[in-house]
Structures are given as structure tokens and as C-alpha cells.
PDB file of N, CA and C in Angstrom:
ATOM      1  N   GLN A   1     138.478  67.488 107.249  1.00  0.00           N
ATOM      2  CA  GLN A   1     137.339  66.673 107.680  1.00  0.00           C
ATOM      3  C   GLN A   1     137.628  65.999 109.001  1.00  0.00           C
ATOM      4  N   VAL A   2     136.555  65.760 109.737  1.00  0.00           N
ATOM      5  CA  VAL A   2     136.654  65.071 111.019  1.00  0.00           C
ATOM      6  C   VAL A   2     135.762  63.838 110.954  1.00  0.00           C
ATOM      7  N   GLN A   3     136.287  62.718 111.376  1.00  0.00           N
ATOM      8  CA  GLN A   3     135.490  61.494 111.460  1.00  0.00           C
ATOM      9  C   GLN A   3     135.264  61.151 112.926  1.00  0.00           C
ATOM     10  N   LEU A   4     134.027  60.814 113.244  1.00  0.00           N
ATOM     11  CA  LEU A   4     133.664  60.433 114.602  1.00  0.00           C
ATOM     12  C   LEU A   4     133.097  59.014 114.553  1.00  0.00           C
ATOM     13  N   VAL A   5     133.647  58.150 115.386  1.00  0.00           N
ATOM     14  CA  VAL A   5     133.197  56.762 115.416  1.00  0.00           C
ATOM     15  C   VAL A   5     132.770  56.406 116.832  1.00  0.00           C
ATOM     16  N   GLU A   6     131.497  56.084 116.979  1.00  0.00           N
ATOM     17  CA  GLU A   6     130.961  55.706 118.282  1.00  0.00           C
ATOM     18  C   GLU A   6     131.077  54.198 118.476  1.00  0.00           C
ATOM     19  N   SER A   7     131.141  53.803 119.731  1.00  0.00           N
ATOM     20  CA  SER A   7     131.116  52.392 120.089  1.00  0.00           C
ATOM     21  C   SER A   7     130.570  52.267 121.501  1.00  0.00           C
ATOM     22  N   GLY A   8     130.225  51.031 121.865  1.00  0.00           N
ATOM     23  CA  GLY A   8     129.795  50.776 123.233  1.00  0.00           C
ATOM     24  C   GLY A   8     128.303  50.617 123.425  1.00  0.00           C
ATOM     25  N   GLY A   9     127.532  50.816 122.378  1.00  0.00           N
ATOM     26  CA  GLY A   9     126.097  50.618 122.523  1.00  0.00           C
ATOM     27  C   GLY A   9     125.762  49.150 122.686  1.00  0.00           C
ATOM     28  N   GLY A  10     124.512  48.879 123.001  1.00  0.00           N
ATOM     29  CA  GLY A  10     124.077  47.506 123.160  1.00  0.00           C
ATOM     30  C   GLY A  10     122.767  47.424 123.900  1.00  0.00           C
ATOM     31  N   SER A  11     122.462  46.244 124.373  1.00  0.00           N
ATOM     32  CA  SER A  11     121.213  46.006 125.099  1.00  0.00           C
ATOM     33  C   SER A  11     121.523  45.771 126.565  1.00  0.00           C
ATOM     34  N   VAL A  12     120.716  46.334 127.414  1.00  0.00           N
ATOM     35  CA  VAL A  12     120.913  46.214 128.850  1.00  0.00           C
ATOM     36  C   VAL A  12     119.548  46.230 129.526  1.00  0.00           C
ATOM     37  N   GLN A  13     119.478  45.650 130.703  1.00  0.00           N
ATOM     38  CA  GLN A  13     118.219  45.665 131.442  1.00  0.00           C
ATOM     39  C   GLN A  13     118.064  46.962 132.212  1.00  0.00           C
ATOM     40  N   ASP A  14     116.826  47.229 132.543  1.00  0.00           N
ATOM     41  CA  ASP A  14     116.501  48.411 133.329  1.00  0.00           C
ATOM     42  C   ASP A  14     117.371  48.454 134.581  1.00  0.00           C
ATOM     43  N   GLY A  15     117.977  49.624 134.837  1.00  0.00           N
ATOM     44  CA  GLY A  15     118.856  49.782 135.989  1.00  0.00           C
ATOM     45  C   GLY A  15     120.313  49.496 135.686  1.00  0.00           C
ATOM     46  N   GLY A  16     120.598  49.016 134.496  1.00  0.00           N
ATOM     47  CA  GLY A  16     121.965  48.673 134.123  1.00  0.00           C
ATOM     48  C   GLY A  16     122.772  49.874 133.678  1.00  0.00           C
ATOM     49  N   SER A  17     123.989  49.586 133.232  1.00  0.00           N
ATOM     50  CA  SER A  17     124.927  50.643 132.841  1.00  0.00           C
ATOM     51  C   SER A  17     125.576  50.309 131.504  1.00  0.00           C
ATOM     52  N   LEU A  18     125.961  51.359 130.803  1.00  0.00           N
ATOM     53  CA  LEU A  18     126.735  51.232 129.568  1.00  0.00           C
ATOM     54  C   LEU A  18     127.704  52.405 129.486  1.00  0.00           C
ATOM     55  N   ARG A  19     128.809  52.182 128.757  1.00  0.00           N
ATOM     56  CA  ARG A  19     129.728  53.271 128.474  1.00  0.00           C
ATOM     57  C   ARG A  19     129.864  53.417 126.962  1.00  0.00           C
ATOM     58  N   LEU A  20     129.518  54.584 126.470  1.00  0.00           N
ATOM     59  CA  LEU A  20     129.700  54.885 125.061  1.00  0.00           C
ATOM     60  C   LEU A  20     131.017  55.629 124.865  1.00  0.00           C
ATOM     61  N   SER A  21     131.659  55.357 123.739  1.00  0.00           N
ATOM     62  CA  SER A  21     132.885  56.051 123.377  1.00  0.00           C
ATOM     63  C   SER A  21     132.712  56.676 122.003  1.00  0.00           C
ATOM     64  N   CYS A  22     133.401  57.767 121.787  1.00  0.00           N
ATOM     65  CA  CYS A  22     133.385  58.431 120.481  1.00  0.00           C
ATOM     66  C   CYS A  22     134.802  58.906 120.194  1.00  0.00           C
ATOM     67  N   ALA A  23     135.418  58.295 119.204  1.00  0.00           N
ATOM     68  CA  ALA A  23     136.790  58.624 118.844  1.00  0.00           C
ATOM     69  C   ALA A  23     136.802  59.525 117.620  1.00  0.00           C
ATOM     70  N   ALA A  24     137.524  60.629 117.730  1.00  0.00           N
ATOM     71  CA  ALA A  24     137.648  61.581 116.631  1.00  0.00           C
ATOM     72  C   ALA A  24     138.966  61.369 115.906  1.00  0.00           C
ATOM     73  N   SER A  25     138.919  61.477 114.593  1.00  0.00           N
ATOM     74  CA  SER A  25     140.136  61.366 113.795  1.00  0.00           C
ATOM     75  C   SER A  25     140.032  62.327 112.615  1.00  0.00           C
ATOM     76  N   GLY A  26     141.132  62.486 111.927  1.00  0.00           N
ATOM     77  CA  GLY A  26     141.154  63.404 110.793  1.00  0.00           C
ATOM     78  C   GLY A  26     141.673  64.758 111.222  1.00  0.00           C
ATOM     79  N   SER A  27     141.049  65.800 110.738  1.00  0.00           N
ATOM     80  CA  SER A  27     141.488  67.171 111.038  1.00  0.00           C
ATOM     81  C   SER A  27     140.908  67.627 112.370  1.00  0.00           C
ATOM     82  N   ILE A  28     141.482  67.143 113.445  1.00  0.00           N
ATOM     83  CA  ILE A  28     140.917  67.376 114.775  1.00  0.00           C
ATOM     84  C   ILE A  28     141.419  68.653 115.415  1.00  0.00           C
ATOM     85  N   PHE A  29     142.271  69.391 114.718  1.00  0.00           N
ATOM     86  CA  PHE A  29     142.777  70.646 115.251  1.00  0.00           C
ATOM     87  C   PHE A  29     141.616  71.603 115.497  1.00  0.00           C
ATOM     88  N   ARG A  30     141.602  72.233 116.659  1.00  0.00           N
ATOM     89  CA  ARG A  30     140.605  73.222 117.041  1.00  0.00           C
ATOM     90  C   ARG A  30     139.209  72.659 117.265  1.00  0.00           C
ATOM     91  N   LEU A  31     139.116  71.356 117.574  1.00  0.00           N
ATOM     92  CA  LEU A  31     137.830  70.850 118.015  1.00  0.00           C
ATOM     93  C   LEU A  31     137.508  71.436 119.381  1.00  0.00           C
ATOM     94  N   ASN A  32     136.325  71.946 119.527  1.00  0.00           N
ATOM     95  CA  ASN A  32     135.931  72.567 120.777  1.00  0.00           C
ATOM     96  C   ASN A  32     135.013  71.625 121.553  1.00  0.00           C
ATOM     97  N   THR A  33     133.767  71.990 121.659  1.00  0.00           N
ATOM     98  CA  THR A  33     132.810  71.191 122.403  1.00  0.00           C
ATOM     99  C   THR A  33     132.541  69.860 121.708  1.00  0.00           C
ATOM    100  N   MET A  34     132.448  68.820 122.507  1.00  0.00           N
ATOM    101  CA  MET A  34     132.009  67.513 122.026  1.00  0.00           C
ATOM    102  C   MET A  34     130.857  67.065 122.904  1.00  0.00           C
ATOM    103  N   GLY A  35     129.995  66.251 122.346  1.00  0.00           N
ATOM    104  CA  GLY A  35     128.849  65.834 123.145  1.00  0.00           C
ATOM    105  C   GLY A  35     128.037  64.753 122.487  1.00  0.00           C
ATOM    106  N   TRP A  36     126.835  64.584 123.036  1.00  0.00           N
ATOM    107  CA  TRP A  36     125.955  63.510 122.590  1.00  0.00           C
ATOM    108  C   TRP A  36     124.527  64.005 122.432  1.00  0.00           C
ATOM    109  N   TYR A  37     123.894  63.511 121.403  1.00  0.00           N
ATOM    110  CA  TYR A  37     122.458  63.606 121.210  1.00  0.00           C
ATOM    111  C   TYR A  37     121.918  62.180 121.176  1.00  0.00           C
ATOM    112  N   ARG A  38     120.613  62.061 121.241  1.00  0.00           N
ATOM    113  CA  ARG A  38     119.975  60.756 121.050  1.00  0.00           C
ATOM    114  C   ARG A  38     118.653  60.940 120.328  1.00  0.00           C
ATOM    115  N   GLN A  39     118.232  59.884 119.666  1.00  0.00           N
ATOM    116  CA  GLN A  39     116.962  59.914 118.952  1.00  0.00           C
ATOM    117  C   GLN A  39     116.244  58.595 119.149  1.00  0.00           C
ATOM    118  N   ALA A  40     115.096  58.682 119.791  1.00  0.00           N
ATOM    119  CA  ALA A  40     114.258  57.506 120.007  1.00  0.00           C
ATOM    120  C   ALA A  40     113.324  57.337 118.815  1.00  0.00           C
ATOM    121  N   PRO A  41     112.830  56.137 118.582  1.00  0.00           N
ATOM    122  CA  PRO A  41     111.920  55.910 117.453  1.00  0.00           C
ATOM    123  C   PRO A  41     110.713  56.834 117.487  1.00  0.00           C
ATOM    124  N   GLY A  42     110.465  57.513 116.385  1.00  0.00           N
ATOM    125  CA  GLY A  42     109.314  58.384 116.288  1.00  0.00           C
ATOM    126  C   GLY A  42     109.456  59.720 116.995  1.00  0.00           C
ATOM    127  N   LYS A  43     110.643  60.009 117.520  1.00  0.00           N
ATOM    128  CA  LYS A  43     110.855  61.266 118.243  1.00  0.00           C
ATOM    129  C   LYS A  43     111.966  62.078 117.585  1.00  0.00           C
ATOM    130  N   GLU A  44     112.004  63.364 117.926  1.00  0.00           N
ATOM    131  CA  GLU A  44     113.055  64.218 117.412  1.00  0.00           C
ATOM    132  C   GLU A  44     114.363  63.948 118.149  1.00  0.00           C
ATOM    133  N   ARG A  45     115.450  64.332 117.494  1.00  0.00           N
ATOM    134  CA  ARG A  45     116.758  64.182 118.123  1.00  0.00           C
ATOM    135  C   ARG A  45     116.825  65.094 119.345  1.00  0.00           C
ATOM    136  N   GLU A  46     117.340  64.560 120.442  1.00  0.00           N
ATOM    137  CA  GLU A  46     117.355  65.255 121.735  1.00  0.00           C
ATOM    138  C   GLU A  46     118.796  65.388 122.210  1.00  0.00           C
ATOM    139  N   TRP A  47     119.186  66.581 122.618  1.00  0.00           N
ATOM    140  CA  TRP A  47     120.521  66.787 123.175  1.00  0.00           C
ATOM    141  C   TRP A  47     120.617  66.107 124.531  1.00  0.00           C
ATOM    142  N   VAL A  48     121.754  65.478 124.813  1.00  0.00           N
ATOM    143  CA  VAL A  48     121.963  64.729 126.052  1.00  0.00           C
ATOM    144  C   VAL A  48     122.981  65.411 126.957  1.00  0.00           C
ATOM    145  N   ALA A  49     124.165  65.693 126.416  1.00  0.00           N
ATOM    146  CA  ALA A  49     125.231  66.246 127.248  1.00  0.00           C
ATOM    147  C   ALA A  49     126.323  66.799 126.356  1.00  0.00           C
ATOM    148  N   TYR A  50     127.116  67.731 126.921  1.00  0.00           N
ATOM    149  CA  TYR A  50     128.305  68.197 126.225  1.00  0.00           C
ATOM    150  C   TYR A  50     129.438  68.423 127.210  1.00  0.00           C
ATOM    151  N   ILE A  51     130.639  68.459 126.653  1.00  0.00           N
ATOM    152  CA  ILE A  51     131.827  68.785 127.416  1.00  0.00           C
ATOM    153  C   ILE A  51     132.683  69.706 126.558  1.00  0.00           C
ATOM    154  N   SER A  52     133.145  70.788 127.159  1.00  0.00           N
ATOM    155  CA  SER A  52     133.968  71.740 126.422  1.00  0.00           C
ATOM    156  C   SER A  52     135.412  71.245 126.353  1.00  0.00           C
ATOM    157  N   SER A  53     136.205  71.912 125.556  1.00  0.00           N
ATOM    158  CA  SER A  53     137.611  71.538 125.468  1.00  0.00           C
ATOM    159  C   SER A  53     138.320  71.731 126.806  1.00  0.00           C
ATOM    160  N   GLY A  54     137.792  72.614 127.645  1.00  0.00           N
ATOM    161  CA  GLY A  54     138.372  72.839 128.962  1.00  0.00           C
ATOM    162  C   GLY A  54     137.804  71.946 130.047  1.00  0.00           C
ATOM    163  N   GLY A  55     136.794  71.137 129.691  1.00  0.00           N
ATOM    164  CA  GLY A  55     136.259  70.190 130.658  1.00  0.00           C
ATOM    165  C   GLY A  55     134.943  70.588 131.313  1.00  0.00           C
ATOM    166  N   SER A  56     134.400  71.728 130.956  1.00  0.00           N
ATOM    167  CA  SER A  56     133.089  72.099 131.503  1.00  0.00           C
ATOM    168  C   SER A  56     132.019  71.204 130.900  1.00  0.00           C
ATOM    169  N   THR A  57     131.063  70.812 131.725  1.00  0.00           N
ATOM    170  CA  THR A  57     130.029  69.880 131.276  1.00  0.00           C
ATOM    171  C   THR A  57     128.627  70.440 131.516  1.00  0.00           C
ATOM    172  N   ASN A  58     127.693  69.897 130.782  1.00  0.00           N
ATOM    173  CA  ASN A  58     126.291  70.241 130.975  1.00  0.00           C
ATOM    174  C   ASN A  58     125.452  69.049 130.527  1.00  0.00           C
ATOM    175  N   TYR A  59     124.301  68.863 131.177  1.00  0.00           N
ATOM    176  CA  TYR A  59     123.466  67.700 130.925  1.00  0.00           C
ATOM    177  C   TYR A  59     122.004  68.096 130.772  1.00  0.00           C
ATOM    178  N   ALA A  60     121.300  67.322 129.972  1.00  0.00           N
ATOM    179  CA  ALA A  60     119.852  67.452 129.925  1.00  0.00           C
ATOM    180  C   ALA A  60     119.280  67.011 131.268  1.00  0.00           C
ATOM    181  N   ASP A  61     118.187  67.633 131.659  1.00  0.00           N
ATOM    182  CA  ASP A  61     117.577  67.291 132.943  1.00  0.00           C
ATOM    183  C   ASP A  61     117.225  65.808 133.030  1.00  0.00           C
ATOM    184  N   SER A  62     116.855  65.216 131.907  1.00  0.00           N
ATOM    185  CA  SER A  62     116.406  63.833 131.897  1.00  0.00           C
ATOM    186  C   SER A  62     117.523  62.839 132.225  1.00  0.00           C
ATOM    187  N   VAL A  63     118.775  63.269 132.108  1.00  0.00           N
ATOM    188  CA  VAL A  63     119.884  62.345 132.361  1.00  0.00           C
ATOM    189  C   VAL A  63     120.789  62.815 133.487  1.00  0.00           C
ATOM    190  N   LYS A  64     120.551  64.002 133.993  1.00  0.00           N
ATOM    191  CA  LYS A  64     121.388  64.550 135.062  1.00  0.00           C
ATOM    192  C   LYS A  64     121.408  63.595 136.252  1.00  0.00           C
ATOM    193  N   ASP A  65     122.558  63.445 136.841  1.00  0.00           N
ATOM    194  CA  ASP A  65     122.796  62.572 137.996  1.00  0.00           C
ATOM    195  C   ASP A  65     122.809  61.084 137.640  1.00  0.00           C
ATOM    196  N   ARG A  66     122.574  60.750 136.373  1.00  0.00           N
ATOM    197  CA  ARG A  66     122.670  59.345 135.941  1.00  0.00           C
ATOM    198  C   ARG A  66     123.779  59.159 134.906  1.00  0.00           C
ATOM    199  N   PHE A  67     123.984  60.150 134.061  1.00  0.00           N
ATOM    200  CA  PHE A  67     124.979  60.076 132.993  1.00  0.00           C
ATOM    201  C   PHE A  67     126.162  60.973 133.340  1.00  0.00           C
ATOM    202  N   THR A  68     127.343  60.553 132.904  1.00  0.00           N
ATOM    203  CA  THR A  68     128.553  61.350 133.093  1.00  0.00           C
ATOM    204  C   THR A  68     129.317  61.405 131.779  1.00  0.00           C
ATOM    205  N   ILE A  69     129.635  62.611 131.350  1.00  0.00           N
ATOM    206  CA  ILE A  69     130.421  62.785 130.131  1.00  0.00           C
ATOM    207  C   ILE A  69     131.846  63.140 130.528  1.00  0.00           C
ATOM    208  N   SER A  70     132.795  62.574 129.809  1.00  0.00           N
ATOM    209  CA  SER A  70     134.195  62.881 130.065  1.00  0.00           C
ATOM    210  C   SER A  70     134.946  62.882 128.743  1.00  0.00           C
ATOM    211  N   ARG A  71     136.181  63.340 128.809  1.00  0.00           N
ATOM    212  CA  ARG A  71     136.930  63.561 127.569  1.00  0.00           C
ATOM    213  C   ARG A  71     138.390  63.279 127.815  1.00  0.00           C
ATOM    214  N   ASP A  72     139.001  62.557 126.897  1.00  0.00           N
ATOM    215  CA  ASP A  72     140.436  62.319 126.924  1.00  0.00           C
ATOM    216  C   ASP A  72     141.021  63.016 125.702  1.00  0.00           C
ATOM    217  N   ASN A  73     141.566  64.200 125.912  1.00  0.00           N
ATOM    218  CA  ASN A  73     142.053  64.979 124.772  1.00  0.00           C
ATOM    219  C   ASN A  73     143.263  64.323 124.111  1.00  0.00           C
ATOM    220  N   ALA A  74     144.038  63.580 124.880  1.00  0.00           N
ATOM    221  CA  ALA A  74     145.200  62.902 124.300  1.00  0.00           C
ATOM    222  C   ALA A  74     144.768  61.816 123.317  1.00  0.00           C
ATOM    223  N   LYS A  75     143.616  61.214 123.575  1.00  0.00           N
ATOM    224  CA  LYS A  75     143.094  60.166 122.698  1.00  0.00           C
ATOM    225  C   LYS A  75     142.012  60.684 121.761  1.00  0.00           C
ATOM    226  N   ASN A  76     141.706  61.977 121.866  1.00  0.00           N
ATOM    227  CA  ASN A  76     140.650  62.571 121.037  1.00  0.00           C
ATOM    228  C   ASN A  76     139.356  61.784 121.144  1.00  0.00           C
ATOM    229  N   THR A  77     139.018  61.421 122.359  1.00  0.00           N
ATOM    230  CA  THR A  77     137.861  60.567 122.597  1.00  0.00           C
ATOM    231  C   THR A  77     136.981  61.171 123.685  1.00  0.00           C
ATOM    232  N   VAL A  78     135.691  61.094 123.482  1.00  0.00           N
ATOM    233  CA  VAL A  78     134.733  61.509 124.495  1.00  0.00           C
ATOM    234  C   VAL A  78     133.926  60.287 124.908  1.00  0.00           C
ATOM    235  N   TYR A  79     133.593  60.225 126.179  1.00  0.00           N
ATOM    236  CA  TYR A  79     132.882  59.087 126.743  1.00  0.00           C
ATOM    237  C   TYR A  79     131.558  59.540 127.345  1.00  0.00           C
ATOM    238  N   LEU A  80     130.609  58.630 127.364  1.00  0.00           N
ATOM    239  CA  LEU A  80     129.350  58.868 128.060  1.00  0.00           C
ATOM    240  C   LEU A  80     129.063  57.640 128.905  1.00  0.00           C
ATOM    241  N   ILE A  81     129.206  57.786 130.217  1.00  0.00           N
ATOM    242  CA  ILE A  81     128.898  56.705 131.132  1.00  0.00           C
ATOM    243  C   ILE A  81     127.444  56.861 131.545  1.00  0.00           C
ATOM    244  N   MET A  82     126.675  55.814 131.313  1.00  0.00           N
ATOM    245  CA  MET A  82     125.234  55.866 131.564  1.00  0.00           C
ATOM    246  C   MET A  82     124.894  54.844 132.639  1.00  0.00           C
ATOM    247  N   ASN A  83     124.446  55.334 133.767  1.00  0.00           N
ATOM    248  CA  ASN A  83     124.029  54.491 134.882  1.00  0.00           C
ATOM    249  C   ASN A  83     122.523  54.581 135.088  1.00  0.00           C
ATOM    250  N   SER A  84     122.002  53.637 135.847  1.00  0.00           N
ATOM    251  CA  SER A  84     120.566  53.619 136.180  1.00  0.00           C
ATOM    252  C   SER A  84     119.714  53.797 134.934  1.00  0.00           C
ATOM    253  N   LEU A  85     120.043  53.044 133.913  1.00  0.00           N
ATOM    254  CA  LEU A  85     119.339  53.187 132.638  1.00  0.00           C
ATOM    255  C   LEU A  85     117.874  52.794 132.754  1.00  0.00           C
ATOM    256  N   LYS A  86     117.057  53.503 131.998  1.00  0.00           N
ATOM    257  CA  LYS A  86     115.623  53.287 131.987  1.00  0.00           C
ATOM    258  C   LYS A  86     115.184  52.966 130.560  1.00  0.00           C
ATOM    259  N   ALA A  87     113.988  52.410 130.441  1.00  0.00           N
ATOM    260  CA  ALA A  87     113.462  52.086 129.111  1.00  0.00           C
ATOM    261  C   ALA A  87     113.409  53.329 128.224  1.00  0.00           C
ATOM    262  N   GLU A  88     113.123  54.468 128.830  1.00  0.00           N
ATOM    263  CA  GLU A  88     113.022  55.702 128.045  1.00  0.00           C
ATOM    264  C   GLU A  88     114.361  56.232 127.556  1.00  0.00           C
ATOM    265  N   ASP A  89     115.448  55.608 127.984  1.00  0.00           N
ATOM    266  CA  ASP A  89     116.765  55.965 127.459  1.00  0.00           C
ATOM    267  C   ASP A  89     117.058  55.240 126.141  1.00  0.00           C
ATOM    268  N   THR A  90     116.189  54.313 125.757  1.00  0.00           N
ATOM    269  CA  THR A  90     116.366  53.596 124.500  1.00  0.00           C
ATOM    270  C   THR A  90     116.355  54.565 123.330  1.00  0.00           C
ATOM    271  N   ALA A  91     117.423  54.525 122.538  1.00  0.00           N
ATOM    272  CA  ALA A  91     117.560  55.467 121.422  1.00  0.00           C
ATOM    273  C   ALA A  91     118.846  55.143 120.664  1.00  0.00           C
ATOM    274  N   VAL A  92     118.985  55.780 119.527  1.00  0.00           N
ATOM    275  CA  VAL A  92     120.287  55.815 118.858  1.00  0.00           C
ATOM    276  C   VAL A  92     121.021  57.038 119.394  1.00  0.00           C
ATOM    277  N   TYR A  93     122.227  56.818 119.866  1.00  0.00           N
ATOM    278  CA  TYR A  93     123.033  57.892 120.447  1.00  0.00           C
ATOM    279  C   TYR A  93     124.070  58.352 119.431  1.00  0.00           C
ATOM    280  N   TYR A  94     124.098  59.670 119.209  1.00  0.00           N
ATOM    281  CA  TYR A  94     124.987  60.272 118.226  1.00  0.00           C
ATOM    282  C   TYR A  94     125.992  61.178 118.930  1.00  0.00           C
ATOM    283  N   CYS A  95     127.237  60.982 118.597  1.00  0.00           N
ATOM    284  CA  CYS A  95     128.301  61.852 119.070  1.00  0.00           C
ATOM    285  C   CYS A  95     128.423  63.045 118.120  1.00  0.00           C
ATOM    286  N   TYR A  96     128.807  64.204 118.656  1.00  0.00           N
ATOM    287  CA  TYR A  96     129.091  65.339 117.794  1.00  0.00           C
ATOM    288  C   TYR A  96     130.336  66.065 118.289  1.00  0.00           C
ATOM    289  N   ALA A  97     130.927  66.827 117.394  1.00  0.00           N
ATOM    290  CA  ALA A  97     132.101  67.636 117.726  1.00  0.00           C
ATOM    291  C   ALA A  97     132.002  68.947 116.970  1.00  0.00           C
ATOM    292  N   ASP A  98     132.323  70.016 117.640  1.00  0.00           N
ATOM    293  CA  ASP A  98     132.225  71.358 117.055  1.00  0.00           C
ATOM    294  C   ASP A  98     133.593  71.953 116.803  1.00  0.00           C
ATOM    295  N   ARG A  99     133.697  72.550 115.649  1.00  0.00           N
ATOM    296  CA  ARG A  99     134.818  73.405 115.303  1.00  0.00           C
ATOM    297  C   ARG A  99     134.162  74.724 114.917  1.00  0.00           C
ATOM    298  N   PRO A 100     134.836  75.865 115.097  1.00  0.00           N
ATOM    299  CA  PRO A 100     134.189  77.134 114.734  1.00  0.00           C
ATOM    300  C   PRO A 100     133.541  77.081 113.346  1.00  0.00           C
ATOM    301  N   GLY A 101     132.220  77.230 113.332  1.00  0.00           N
ATOM    302  CA  GLY A 101     131.481  77.269 112.086  1.00  0.00           C
ATOM    303  C   GLY A 101     130.999  75.946 111.558  1.00  0.00           C
ATOM    304  N   ARG A 102     131.296  74.855 112.255  1.00  0.00           N
ATOM    305  CA  ARG A 102     130.889  73.555 111.717  1.00  0.00           C
ATOM    306  C   ARG A 102     130.706  72.548 112.846  1.00  0.00           C
ATOM    307  N   ARG A 103     129.712  71.677 112.655  1.00  0.00           N
ATOM    308  CA  ARG A 103     129.472  70.563 113.572  1.00  0.00           C
ATOM    309  C   ARG A 103     129.617  69.260 112.795  1.00  0.00           C
ATOM    310  N   TYR A 104     130.305  68.320 113.400  1.00  0.00           N
ATOM    311  CA  TYR A 104     130.487  66.997 112.822  1.00  0.00           C
ATOM    312  C   TYR A 104     129.698  65.981 113.633  1.00  0.00           C
ATOM    313  N   TRP A 105     129.228  64.933 112.941  1.00  0.00           N
ATOM    314  CA  TRP A 105     128.408  63.907 113.575  1.00  0.00           C
ATOM    315  C   TRP A 105     128.987  62.521 113.352  1.00  0.00           C
ATOM    316  N   GLY A 106     128.783  61.668 114.348  1.00  0.00           N
ATOM    317  CA  GLY A 106     129.072  60.262 114.169  1.00  0.00           C
ATOM    318  C   GLY A 106     127.885  59.559 113.553  1.00  0.00           C
ATOM    319  N   GLN A 107     128.047  58.250 113.337  1.00  0.00           N
ATOM    320  CA  GLN A 107     127.016  57.492 112.641  1.00  0.00           C
ATOM    321  C   GLN A 107     125.935  56.965 113.568  1.00  0.00           C
ATOM    322  N   GLY A 108     126.182  57.040 114.867  1.00  0.00           N
ATOM    323  CA  GLY A 108     125.197  56.606 115.853  1.00  0.00           C
ATOM    324  C   GLY A 108     125.439  55.202 116.347  1.00  0.00           C
ATOM    325  N   THR A 109     125.035  54.969 117.588  1.00  0.00           N
ATOM    326  CA  THR A 109     125.115  53.637 118.183  1.00  0.00           C
ATOM    327  C   THR A 109     123.827  53.389 118.959  1.00  0.00           C
ATOM    328  N   GLN A 110     123.285  52.190 118.800  1.00  0.00           N
ATOM    329  CA  GLN A 110     121.994  51.870 119.396  1.00  0.00           C
ATOM    330  C   GLN A 110     122.146  51.478 120.855  1.00  0.00           C
ATOM    331  N   VAL A 111     121.301  52.049 121.686  1.00  0.00           N
ATOM    332  CA  VAL A 111     121.194  51.661 123.094  1.00  0.00           C
ATOM    333  C   VAL A 111     119.755  51.211 123.325  1.00  0.00           C
ATOM    334  N   THR A 112     119.596  49.988 123.825  1.00  0.00           N
ATOM    335  CA  THR A 112     118.274  49.443 124.094  1.00  0.00           C
ATOM    336  C   THR A 112     118.205  49.015 125.552  1.00  0.00           C
ATOM    337  N   VAL A 113     117.230  49.557 126.262  1.00  0.00           N
ATOM    338  CA  VAL A 113     117.045  49.229 127.670  1.00  0.00           C
ATOM    339  C   VAL A 113     115.708  48.505 127.803  1.00  0.00           C
ATOM    340  N   SER A 114     115.759  47.300 128.322  1.00  0.00           N
ATOM    341  CA  SER A 114     114.550  46.502 128.454  1.00  0.00           C
ATOM    342  C   SER A 114     114.148  46.391 129.921  1.00  0.00           C
ATOM    343  N   SER A 115     112.857  46.421 130.127  1.00  0.00           N
ATOM    344  CA  SER A 115     112.356  46.340 131.510  1.00  0.00           C
ATOM    345  C   SER A 115     112.002  44.910 131.878  1.00  0.00           C
TER     346      SER A 115
END
């Protein structure tokens, strides 16, 4: 089993920044891609960004050039730096990690952006 624990969410004003962290523990051998989804109230869960075990990254168009995903393999932690936050970024952010044949999820962390 793999446990993912997110932290770093909170409330920020429009234009502000936050850094989310997601620490993996347990059977972390062969974890591949890690990333983030988000879910706003009344909306479906939306993919935000991912980073491969080799460091390749990809972003949703809605966050490109504002969010940066990074990974510290020694700490088994993935980060999401969010700049120029907008009200529409308000959501619960979920970390995920993939192992061949299985995806693991964190419990989510709330991000609220007020205008």
C-alpha cells in the first residue's frame, strides 16, 4: 500500500501564491508518475499536472505558465507551486501516484482564492 498525504492548502487572495506538498510513504517502490487533480464545488475532478519519475512534466492549459510541479525522489514528495492564483483555482486538490496497474490518491487539501 501507498499512503499520500497532502499539505499546504489554505486561503489566499487573488494573485497570491501557495505551495502544495504531497508526501508518499509505505510501499513506494516502483512509483512512476505523480501529479495533481482538483475538484471545484459542483464540478468534475479535473487533472492539473503530472511529473514522471524521470522529471518530465505536463500541465493543463488552465494552469500552464502559472503552476509548477516538481519532485524530490529522495523525500518521496511531489510539490505544486501555484502562482497568480485566481478565484477559479478554488478547489480541493488531490495528489496521486501511479504504480503499474494501480493509482493511489491522497485525501485532498482545500485551496480557496478570494477576489
